Amino acid sequence: MSRFYSEVTSKGQRSSKETTQTKMGDRSGMRAHLRGWNIGVEVYLEVNEEGRDEIRVYRTKGSNDRFERRIELIAFLEEEKNND
C-alpha cells in the first residue's frame, strides 16, 4: 500500500495524472510546484523525524522566476500524534 498519493487534473480536461509512493527511507515524500507566470506554490509532503506526515506549502514567483525561489512558507500541516 502506498503512503503518499497525488493527482493532477487540468481544468477543462477529462484526464488526470496520478502518482503514488511507498515509504522508502527515513525522509521519503513528494514535491510539486504548481505555477502560473508570476505566482505559484511549491508543496512538500514528507515523513518527519518522528515518523509522522507533514506538509509544507511555499509561495513562489511562478514560471518567470528562473531561479525558482521560495518566497515564504504559507502553510504547515502535521499529522496528529497518535496517543494509543
N, C-alpha and C. Protein backbone atom coordinates (compact mmCIF):
# COMPACT_ATOMS: atom_id res chain seq x y z
N MET A 1 0.84 -1.18 0.00
CA MET A 1 0.00 0.00 0.00
C MET A 1 0.89 1.24 0.00
N SER A 2 0.54 2.20 -0.82
CA SER A 2 1.32 3.43 -0.92
C SER A 2 1.05 4.34 0.26
N ARG A 3 2.08 5.05 0.68
CA ARG A 3 1.92 6.00 1.77
C ARG A 3 1.45 7.36 1.24
N PHE A 4 1.94 7.75 0.07
CA PHE A 4 1.61 9.05 -0.50
C PHE A 4 0.91 8.90 -1.84
N TYR A 5 -0.05 9.76 -2.10
CA TYR A 5 -0.78 9.79 -3.36
C TYR A 5 -0.83 11.22 -3.86
N SER A 6 -0.78 11.40 -5.17
CA SER A 6 -1.00 12.72 -5.75
C SER A 6 -1.86 12.55 -6.99
N GLU A 7 -2.62 13.56 -7.30
CA GLU A 7 -3.44 13.55 -8.50
C GLU A 7 -3.46 14.98 -9.05
N VAL A 8 -3.21 15.11 -10.34
CA VAL A 8 -3.22 16.41 -11.00
C VAL A 8 -4.20 16.34 -12.15
N THR A 9 -5.13 17.29 -12.18
CA THR A 9 -6.12 17.38 -13.25
C THR A 9 -6.10 18.79 -13.81
N SER A 10 -5.99 18.91 -15.11
CA SER A 10 -6.04 20.22 -15.75
C SER A 10 -7.49 20.65 -15.90
N LYS A 11 -7.75 21.91 -15.60
CA LYS A 11 -9.10 22.44 -15.73
C LYS A 11 -9.54 22.31 -17.18
N GLY A 12 -10.72 21.77 -17.40
CA GLY A 12 -11.24 21.58 -18.74
C GLY A 12 -10.83 20.27 -19.38
N GLN A 13 -9.97 19.51 -18.73
CA GLN A 13 -9.54 18.22 -19.26
C GLN A 13 -10.30 17.09 -18.59
N ARG A 14 -10.45 16.02 -19.29
CA ARG A 14 -11.15 14.87 -18.73
C ARG A 14 -10.20 13.83 -18.15
N SER A 15 -8.92 14.03 -18.30
CA SER A 15 -7.95 13.06 -17.80
C SER A 15 -7.16 13.66 -16.64
N SER A 16 -6.56 12.79 -15.87
CA SER A 16 -5.74 13.23 -14.75
C SER A 16 -4.51 12.35 -14.66
N LYS A 17 -3.53 12.80 -13.94
CA LYS A 17 -2.29 12.06 -13.71
C LYS A 17 -2.20 11.72 -12.23
N GLU A 18 -2.05 10.46 -11.92
CA GLU A 18 -1.97 10.02 -10.54
C GLU A 18 -0.60 9.40 -10.28
N THR A 19 -0.04 9.70 -9.11
CA THR A 19 1.26 9.18 -8.71
C THR A 19 1.15 8.64 -7.29
N THR A 20 1.84 7.55 -7.03
CA THR A 20 1.88 7.01 -5.67
C THR A 20 3.33 6.76 -5.29
N GLN A 21 3.57 6.71 -3.97
CA GLN A 21 4.91 6.38 -3.48
C GLN A 21 4.78 5.67 -2.16
N THR A 22 5.48 4.57 -2.04
CA THR A 22 5.56 3.90 -0.75
C THR A 22 6.71 4.51 0.03
N LYS A 23 6.70 4.32 1.33
CA LYS A 23 7.77 4.88 2.16
C LYS A 23 9.06 4.13 1.90
N MET A 24 10.10 4.89 1.56
CA MET A 24 11.41 4.32 1.32
C MET A 24 12.42 5.20 2.05
N GLY A 25 13.02 4.72 3.08
CA GLY A 25 13.99 5.51 3.83
C GLY A 25 13.31 6.40 4.86
N ASP A 26 14.12 7.16 5.55
CA ASP A 26 13.62 7.99 6.65
C ASP A 26 12.90 9.24 6.18
N ARG A 27 13.27 9.81 5.03
CA ARG A 27 12.70 11.09 4.60
C ARG A 27 12.05 10.97 3.22
N SER A 28 11.22 9.96 3.01
CA SER A 28 10.56 9.83 1.72
C SER A 28 9.46 10.87 1.60
N GLY A 29 9.03 11.12 0.39
CA GLY A 29 7.97 12.10 0.21
C GLY A 29 7.76 12.48 -1.24
N MET A 30 7.01 13.56 -1.42
CA MET A 30 6.69 14.09 -2.74
C MET A 30 6.87 15.59 -2.74
N ARG A 31 7.13 16.14 -3.94
CA ARG A 31 7.25 17.58 -4.15
C ARG A 31 6.46 17.93 -5.40
N ALA A 32 5.75 19.04 -5.35
CA ALA A 32 5.02 19.54 -6.52
C ALA A 32 5.20 21.06 -6.59
N HIS A 33 5.36 21.57 -7.80
CA HIS A 33 5.42 23.02 -7.99
C HIS A 33 4.37 23.36 -9.04
N LEU A 34 3.29 23.99 -8.60
CA LEU A 34 2.21 24.44 -9.47
C LEU A 34 2.37 25.93 -9.66
N ARG A 35 2.36 26.40 -10.92
CA ARG A 35 2.67 27.81 -11.12
C ARG A 35 2.03 28.39 -12.38
N GLY A 36 1.72 29.66 -12.23
CA GLY A 36 1.37 30.48 -13.36
C GLY A 36 2.61 31.27 -13.75
N TRP A 37 2.46 32.31 -14.56
CA TRP A 37 3.63 33.08 -14.98
C TRP A 37 4.30 33.80 -13.82
N ASN A 38 3.50 34.37 -12.91
CA ASN A 38 4.06 35.24 -11.87
C ASN A 38 3.75 34.83 -10.44
N ILE A 39 3.08 33.74 -10.26
CA ILE A 39 2.76 33.27 -8.90
C ILE A 39 2.64 31.75 -8.94
N GLY A 40 2.99 31.13 -7.83
CA GLY A 40 2.87 29.68 -7.75
C GLY A 40 2.97 29.20 -6.32
N VAL A 41 2.85 27.90 -6.15
CA VAL A 41 3.05 27.27 -4.85
C VAL A 41 3.91 26.03 -5.04
N GLU A 42 4.78 25.80 -4.08
CA GLU A 42 5.60 24.60 -4.04
C GLU A 42 5.17 23.83 -2.80
N VAL A 43 4.81 22.57 -2.97
CA VAL A 43 4.26 21.76 -1.89
C VAL A 43 5.17 20.56 -1.64
N TYR A 44 5.50 20.35 -0.38
CA TYR A 44 6.28 19.20 0.03
C TYR A 44 5.44 18.34 0.97
N LEU A 45 5.39 17.05 0.71
CA LEU A 45 4.74 16.07 1.58
C LEU A 45 5.82 15.07 1.96
N GLU A 46 6.17 15.04 3.25
CA GLU A 46 7.28 14.21 3.71
C GLU A 46 6.97 13.56 5.04
N VAL A 47 7.79 12.59 5.39
CA VAL A 47 7.75 11.97 6.70
C VAL A 47 8.77 12.70 7.56
N ASN A 48 8.35 13.22 8.73
CA ASN A 48 9.28 13.96 9.58
C ASN A 48 10.10 13.02 10.46
N GLU A 49 10.94 13.59 11.29
CA GLU A 49 11.84 12.80 12.14
C GLU A 49 11.10 11.90 13.11
N GLU A 50 9.85 12.25 13.44
CA GLU A 50 9.06 11.45 14.38
C GLU A 50 8.21 10.40 13.66
N GLY A 51 8.35 10.29 12.34
CA GLY A 51 7.62 9.28 11.59
C GLY A 51 6.22 9.70 11.17
N ARG A 52 5.87 10.97 11.38
CA ARG A 52 4.54 11.47 11.00
C ARG A 52 4.63 12.26 9.70
N ASP A 53 3.54 12.26 8.96
CA ASP A 53 3.48 13.01 7.71
C ASP A 53 3.39 14.51 8.01
N GLU A 54 4.06 15.30 7.16
CA GLU A 54 3.94 16.75 7.27
C GLU A 54 3.88 17.35 5.87
N ILE A 55 3.19 18.47 5.77
CA ILE A 55 3.04 19.19 4.50
C ILE A 55 3.48 20.63 4.71
N ARG A 56 4.35 21.10 3.81
CA ARG A 56 4.77 22.50 3.80
C ARG A 56 4.41 23.10 2.45
N VAL A 57 3.80 24.29 2.47
CA VAL A 57 3.41 24.99 1.24
C VAL A 57 4.13 26.34 1.21
N TYR A 58 4.85 26.58 0.13
CA TYR A 58 5.59 27.82 -0.06
C TYR A 58 5.01 28.61 -1.23
N ARG A 59 4.97 29.91 -1.11
CA ARG A 59 4.59 30.79 -2.21
C ARG A 59 5.84 31.00 -3.06
N THR A 60 5.67 30.97 -4.40
CA THR A 60 6.79 31.21 -5.32
C THR A 60 6.41 32.32 -6.29
N LYS A 61 7.37 32.71 -7.11
CA LYS A 61 7.13 33.76 -8.10
C LYS A 61 6.71 33.21 -9.46
N GLY A 62 6.40 31.92 -9.54
CA GLY A 62 5.89 31.34 -10.77
C GLY A 62 6.96 31.04 -11.81
N SER A 63 6.52 30.82 -13.03
CA SER A 63 7.40 30.39 -14.12
C SER A 63 8.40 31.46 -14.54
N ASN A 64 8.09 32.73 -14.35
CA ASN A 64 9.00 33.79 -14.76
C ASN A 64 10.22 33.93 -13.85
N ASP A 65 10.22 33.27 -12.70
CA ASP A 65 11.37 33.29 -11.81
C ASP A 65 12.29 32.13 -12.19
N ARG A 66 13.32 32.42 -12.96
CA ARG A 66 14.17 31.35 -13.46
C ARG A 66 14.97 30.64 -12.37
N PHE A 67 15.05 31.22 -11.17
CA PHE A 67 15.77 30.58 -10.06
C PHE A 67 14.84 29.76 -9.17
N GLU A 68 13.53 29.81 -9.43
CA GLU A 68 12.52 29.05 -8.67
C GLU A 68 12.69 29.23 -7.16
N ARG A 69 12.78 30.47 -6.73
CA ARG A 69 12.94 30.77 -5.31
C ARG A 69 11.61 30.67 -4.57
N ARG A 70 11.69 30.14 -3.36
CA ARG A 70 10.53 30.15 -2.47
C ARG A 70 10.49 31.50 -1.78
N ILE A 71 9.34 32.16 -1.78
CA ILE A 71 9.21 33.48 -1.16
C ILE A 71 8.95 33.35 0.33
N GLU A 72 7.95 32.54 0.67
CA GLU A 72 7.59 32.41 2.08
C GLU A 72 6.82 31.12 2.32
N LEU A 73 6.95 30.60 3.53
CA LEU A 73 6.15 29.46 3.96
C LEU A 73 4.76 29.98 4.27
N ILE A 74 3.73 29.48 3.57
CA ILE A 74 2.38 30.00 3.79
C ILE A 74 1.47 29.01 4.53
N ALA A 75 1.90 27.75 4.62
CA ALA A 75 1.10 26.77 5.38
C ALA A 75 2.00 25.64 5.84
N PHE A 76 1.71 25.13 7.02
CA PHE A 76 2.40 23.97 7.57
C PHE A 76 1.38 23.09 8.26
N LEU A 77 1.32 21.84 7.86
CA LEU A 77 0.38 20.88 8.44
C LEU A 77 1.18 19.66 8.90
N GLU A 78 0.80 19.12 10.05
CA GLU A 78 1.47 17.94 10.56
C GLU A 78 0.42 16.94 11.03
N GLU A 79 0.66 15.67 10.71
CA GLU A 79 -0.20 14.60 11.16
C GLU A 79 -0.29 14.62 12.68
N GLU A 80 -1.49 14.44 13.21
CA GLU A 80 -1.65 14.46 14.66
C GLU A 80 -0.97 13.27 15.28
N LYS A 81 -0.44 13.49 16.47
CA LYS A 81 0.23 12.43 17.22
C LYS A 81 -0.79 11.41 17.67
N ASN A 82 -0.48 10.14 17.45
CA ASN A 82 -1.35 9.04 17.85
C ASN A 82 -1.06 8.72 19.31
N ASN A 83 -2.06 8.82 20.17
CA ASN A 83 -1.87 8.58 21.60
C ASN A 83 -2.27 7.20 22.05
N ASP A 84 -2.19 6.21 21.15
CA ASP A 84 -2.56 4.84 21.51
C ASP A 84 -1.57 4.24 22.46
